[in-house]
Amino acid sequence: APPPASLFTPPHLAPLAYTLVTQSLLPHAASTLLLERQRYRSGGGAAVQEWTVRVNTLEAMVWAIVETLGREIKRRGDGVGEEDKDGGPVPVCWSVEPGRVARFWLDGGIKGHLGDDGIDGGGKGGRRRAADVKREKIGLVRGWLEGREGAPFELGFEEGPERVKDVLLQPPKRRSGKKESETEDAEVMGGIKAGKLDDLADCFLQAATWIQWEWNRRRIINDLQSIG
């Protein structure tokens, strides 16, 4: 049975978002936190789906909590610096648009046929099928991990991320009556289960994109400084 709608109201989502930030995100002591920008409409439809509103509400709460923690630490000026006494360092948040990420990596035949969400597109060739884009993103990440495709930088994995890597490299499973591109999932040791490999691939590509963009930004700054 689906969960009751009351679980997705602000009074219930607020403590969930706070726990997510302070107990799941901050303990990793990351300096950067990337949050995927959620869209309000899917597939060009006019209606705004209820689940989309719920996800966007949670996204906004995470942004607000991280921003508040960072500002409160600076306001206190208690010598803690950028460290949150209860949860470690407060990362700098960046918003990532899925469409820009997809257009950045999926060139040659796909570029120019993707919409703002990185899935659908127009043009003379018609709309780009979501399943095709998802399959290509998964294939790109798998190619990097397997060494078949030239990764943009050297990849290294600690114990936790190594398990996620194993999920991405698992062969796809097929369910009766479903296409492979729509049902790829995997389960590996340690209880990690990925219902959608394209979600993991998206996370990987978004991180890789931010790193590449940050390198490009610093290179431009260095070039401008050398000229000036």
Protein backbone atom coordinates (compact mmCIF):
# COMPACT_ATOMS: atom_id res chain seq x y z
CA ALA A 1 0.00 0.00 0.00
CA PRO A 2 1.27 3.50 -0.74
CA PRO A 3 2.36 5.60 2.25
CA PRO A 4 -0.23 8.05 3.62
CA ALA A 5 -0.16 11.52 2.11
CA SER A 6 0.34 13.03 5.56
CA LEU A 7 3.94 11.76 5.57
CA PHE A 8 4.80 14.28 2.84
CA THR A 9 3.48 17.37 4.57
CA PRO A 10 5.98 20.05 5.75
CA PRO A 11 5.70 19.04 9.44
CA HIS A 12 6.84 15.52 8.54
CA LEU A 13 9.35 16.43 5.83
CA ALA A 14 11.13 19.08 7.92
CA PRO A 15 12.60 16.70 10.57
CA LEU A 16 13.37 14.19 7.82
CA ALA A 17 15.34 16.82 5.90
CA TYR A 18 17.18 17.90 9.04
CA THR A 19 18.15 14.32 9.85
CA LEU A 20 19.27 13.76 6.26
CA VAL A 21 21.58 16.77 6.37
CA THR A 22 23.01 16.40 9.87
CA GLN A 23 23.28 12.62 10.13
CA SER A 24 23.76 11.44 6.54
CA LEU A 25 25.49 14.30 4.68
CA LEU A 26 27.57 16.32 7.15
CA PRO A 27 29.41 13.33 8.70
CA HIS A 28 31.12 12.76 5.32
CA ALA A 29 32.96 16.07 5.88
CA ALA A 30 32.57 17.03 2.23
CA SER A 31 33.51 20.54 1.13
CA THR A 32 30.96 20.55 -1.70
CA LEU A 33 27.37 19.36 -1.90
CA LEU A 34 25.68 19.05 -5.29
CA LEU A 35 21.88 19.14 -5.34
CA GLU A 36 20.08 18.18 -8.52
CA ARG A 37 17.59 20.84 -9.51
CA GLN A 38 14.17 19.24 -9.71
CA ARG A 39 11.73 20.14 -12.44
CA TYR A 40 8.03 20.81 -11.93
CA ARG A 41 6.81 19.24 -15.15
CA SER A 42 7.79 15.98 -16.80
CA GLY A 43 7.65 15.15 -20.49
CA GLY A 44 6.30 18.56 -21.41
CA GLY A 45 3.00 17.92 -19.66
CA ALA A 46 0.89 20.81 -18.42
CA ALA A 47 0.06 19.22 -15.08
CA VAL A 48 2.36 19.33 -12.05
CA GLN A 49 2.46 15.88 -10.48
CA GLU A 50 1.99 15.51 -6.74
CA TRP A 51 5.19 13.51 -6.28
CA THR A 52 7.11 16.31 -8.02
CA VAL A 53 5.84 18.84 -5.49
CA ARG A 54 6.93 16.53 -2.68
CA VAL A 55 10.46 16.13 -4.04
CA ASN A 56 10.79 19.86 -4.67
CA THR A 57 9.65 20.58 -1.13
CA LEU A 58 12.33 18.30 0.28
CA GLU A 59 14.94 19.87 -2.02
CA ALA A 60 14.04 23.37 -0.79
CA MET A 61 14.25 22.23 2.83
CA VAL A 62 17.73 20.74 2.34
CA TRP A 63 18.90 23.99 0.78
CA ALA A 64 17.45 26.01 3.65
CA ILE A 65 18.98 23.78 6.35
CA VAL A 66 22.50 23.82 4.87
CA GLU A 67 22.33 27.58 4.29
CA THR A 68 21.09 28.19 7.83
CA LEU A 69 23.76 26.01 9.44
CA GLY A 70 26.52 27.75 7.50
CA ARG A 71 25.26 31.25 8.32
CA GLU A 72 24.71 30.44 12.00
CA ILE A 73 28.27 29.17 12.35
CA LYS A 74 29.64 32.39 10.86
CA ARG A 75 27.29 34.54 12.93
CA ARG A 76 28.26 32.92 16.23
CA GLY A 77 31.94 33.57 15.68
CA ASP A 78 32.68 31.09 18.45
CA GLY A 79 35.97 29.87 17.04
CA VAL A 80 34.42 26.86 15.39
CA GLY A 81 35.06 28.36 11.96
CA GLU A 82 33.24 26.46 9.26
CA GLU A 83 32.76 23.47 11.53
CA ASP A 84 29.34 22.53 12.83
CA LYS A 85 29.78 21.24 16.40
CA ASP A 86 27.09 18.62 15.89
CA GLY A 87 27.86 17.34 12.41
CA GLY A 88 31.22 18.35 10.99
CA PRO A 89 31.96 20.88 8.25
CA VAL A 90 29.11 22.57 6.42
CA PRO A 91 29.63 22.13 2.67
CA VAL A 92 29.11 24.72 -0.01
CA CYS A 93 25.99 23.86 -2.02
CA TRP A 94 25.75 24.02 -5.80
CA SER A 95 22.68 23.47 -7.93
CA VAL A 96 23.09 21.08 -10.85
CA GLU A 97 20.76 21.09 -13.85
CA PRO A 98 20.37 17.57 -15.34
CA GLY A 99 19.89 18.95 -18.85
CA ARG A 100 23.19 20.82 -18.84
CA VAL A 101 24.99 17.73 -17.54
CA ALA A 102 23.52 15.51 -20.26
CA ARG A 103 24.39 17.99 -23.00
CA PHE A 104 27.93 18.32 -21.66
CA TRP A 105 28.74 14.60 -21.95
CA LEU A 106 26.35 13.10 -24.49
CA ASP A 107 27.61 14.70 -27.67
CA GLY A 108 27.57 13.36 -31.18
CA GLY A 109 24.03 12.58 -32.22
CA ILE A 110 22.34 13.56 -28.97
CA LYS A 111 23.50 17.14 -28.50
CA GLY A 112 20.83 19.46 -29.80
CA HIS A 113 18.07 16.90 -29.23
CA LEU A 114 17.85 17.20 -25.47
CA GLY A 115 15.45 19.42 -23.59
CA ASP A 116 16.09 21.33 -20.38
CA ASP A 117 15.57 18.18 -18.34
CA GLY A 118 18.24 16.32 -20.30
CA ILE A 119 15.79 13.72 -21.53
CA ASP A 120 13.32 14.92 -24.12
CA GLY A 121 14.12 16.97 -27.17
CA GLY A 122 12.65 18.23 -30.34
CA GLY A 123 14.04 18.85 -33.76
CA LYS A 124 13.38 17.22 -37.10
CA GLY A 125 14.30 13.82 -35.71
CA GLY A 126 11.47 13.97 -33.20
CA ARG A 127 11.63 13.63 -29.45
CA ARG A 128 14.57 11.81 -28.00
CA ARG A 129 13.32 8.83 -26.04
CA ALA A 130 14.05 8.98 -22.31
CA ALA A 131 15.11 5.33 -22.34
CA ASP A 132 17.74 6.03 -25.02
CA VAL A 133 19.31 8.87 -23.06
CA LYS A 134 19.30 6.86 -19.83
CA ARG A 135 20.93 3.91 -21.57
CA GLU A 136 23.67 6.11 -23.04
CA LYS A 137 24.41 7.74 -19.70
CA ILE A 138 24.69 4.35 -17.98
CA GLY A 139 26.91 3.11 -20.82
CA LEU A 140 29.19 6.13 -20.54
CA VAL A 141 29.72 5.70 -16.80
CA ARG A 142 30.23 1.95 -17.15
CA GLY A 143 32.78 2.60 -19.86
CA TRP A 144 34.74 4.87 -17.55
CA LEU A 145 34.66 2.36 -14.70
CA GLU A 146 35.68 -0.54 -16.93
CA GLY A 147 38.40 1.44 -18.67
CA ARG A 148 36.72 1.15 -22.08
CA GLU A 149 36.10 4.89 -22.37
CA GLY A 150 38.61 7.60 -21.62
CA ALA A 151 37.61 8.99 -18.24
CA PRO A 152 38.13 12.75 -17.90
CA PHE A 153 40.28 12.21 -14.79
CA GLU A 154 41.75 9.42 -12.70
CA LEU A 155 39.11 7.52 -10.76
CA GLY A 156 39.69 6.19 -7.27
CA PHE A 157 37.21 4.67 -4.83
CA GLU A 158 37.14 4.27 -1.07
CA GLU A 159 35.29 1.41 0.59
CA GLY A 160 31.82 2.95 0.52
CA PRO A 161 31.92 4.32 -3.05
CA GLU A 162 33.57 1.07 -4.17
CA ARG A 163 30.31 -0.72 -3.36
CA VAL A 164 28.39 1.78 -5.46
CA LYS A 165 30.83 1.14 -8.29
CA ASP A 166 30.02 -2.58 -8.03
CA VAL A 167 26.33 -1.75 -8.42
CA LEU A 168 26.98 0.21 -11.59
CA LEU A 169 29.03 -2.61 -13.06
CA GLN A 170 26.43 -5.29 -12.37
CA PRO A 171 24.83 -6.72 -15.53
CA PRO A 172 21.25 -5.50 -16.02
CA LYS A 173 18.34 -7.63 -14.90
CA ARG A 174 15.21 -7.95 -16.94
CA ARG A 175 11.69 -8.22 -15.67
CA SER A 176 8.90 -9.92 -17.51
CA GLY A 177 7.17 -7.60 -19.94
CA LYS A 178 9.63 -4.72 -19.42
CA LYS A 179 12.31 -3.35 -21.67
CA GLU A 180 15.88 -3.62 -20.46
CA SER A 181 16.45 0.14 -20.56
CA GLU A 182 13.43 0.73 -18.33
CA THR A 183 14.14 -1.86 -15.66
CA GLU A 184 17.90 -2.00 -15.16
CA ASP A 185 18.61 -2.59 -11.51
CA ALA A 186 21.14 -4.43 -9.39
CA GLU A 187 21.79 -5.67 -5.88
CA VAL A 188 25.20 -6.44 -4.43
CA MET A 189 26.70 -7.49 -1.12
CA GLY A 190 26.15 -5.29 1.88
CA GLY A 191 22.49 -4.65 1.21
CA ILE A 192 23.04 -1.98 -1.45
CA LYS A 193 20.18 -2.02 -3.90
CA ALA A 194 19.79 0.26 -6.89
CA GLY A 195 16.27 0.39 -8.24
CA LYS A 196 17.45 2.49 -11.16
CA LEU A 197 20.97 2.45 -12.49
CA ASP A 198 20.29 5.69 -14.34
CA ASP A 199 19.94 7.49 -10.98
CA LEU A 200 23.39 6.32 -9.92
CA ALA A 201 24.80 7.21 -13.34
CA ASP A 202 23.25 10.69 -13.03
CA CYS A 203 24.93 11.22 -9.65
CA PHE A 204 28.28 10.12 -11.06
CA LEU A 205 27.98 12.34 -14.13
CA GLN A 206 26.89 15.34 -12.09
CA ALA A 207 29.93 15.03 -9.83
CA ALA A 208 32.22 14.57 -12.83
CA THR A 209 30.66 17.59 -14.50
CA TRP A 210 31.17 19.82 -11.50
CA ILE A 211 34.82 18.78 -11.23
CA GLN A 212 35.39 19.46 -14.93
CA TRP A 213 33.62 22.83 -14.76
CA GLU A 214 35.63 23.79 -11.66
CA TRP A 215 38.86 22.93 -13.46
CA ASN A 216 37.76 25.00 -16.43
CA ARG A 217 36.85 27.93 -14.18
CA ARG A 218 40.21 27.88 -12.41
CA ARG A 219 42.04 27.57 -15.73
CA ILE A 220 40.24 30.64 -17.06
CA ILE A 221 41.08 32.58 -13.89
CA ASN A 222 44.75 31.62 -14.15
CA ASP A 223 44.85 32.58 -17.82
CA LEU A 224 43.26 35.97 -17.11
CA GLN A 225 45.65 36.62 -14.24
CA SER A 226 48.64 35.74 -16.39
CA ILE A 227 47.45 38.16 -19.08
CA GLY A 228 46.71 40.97 -16.66
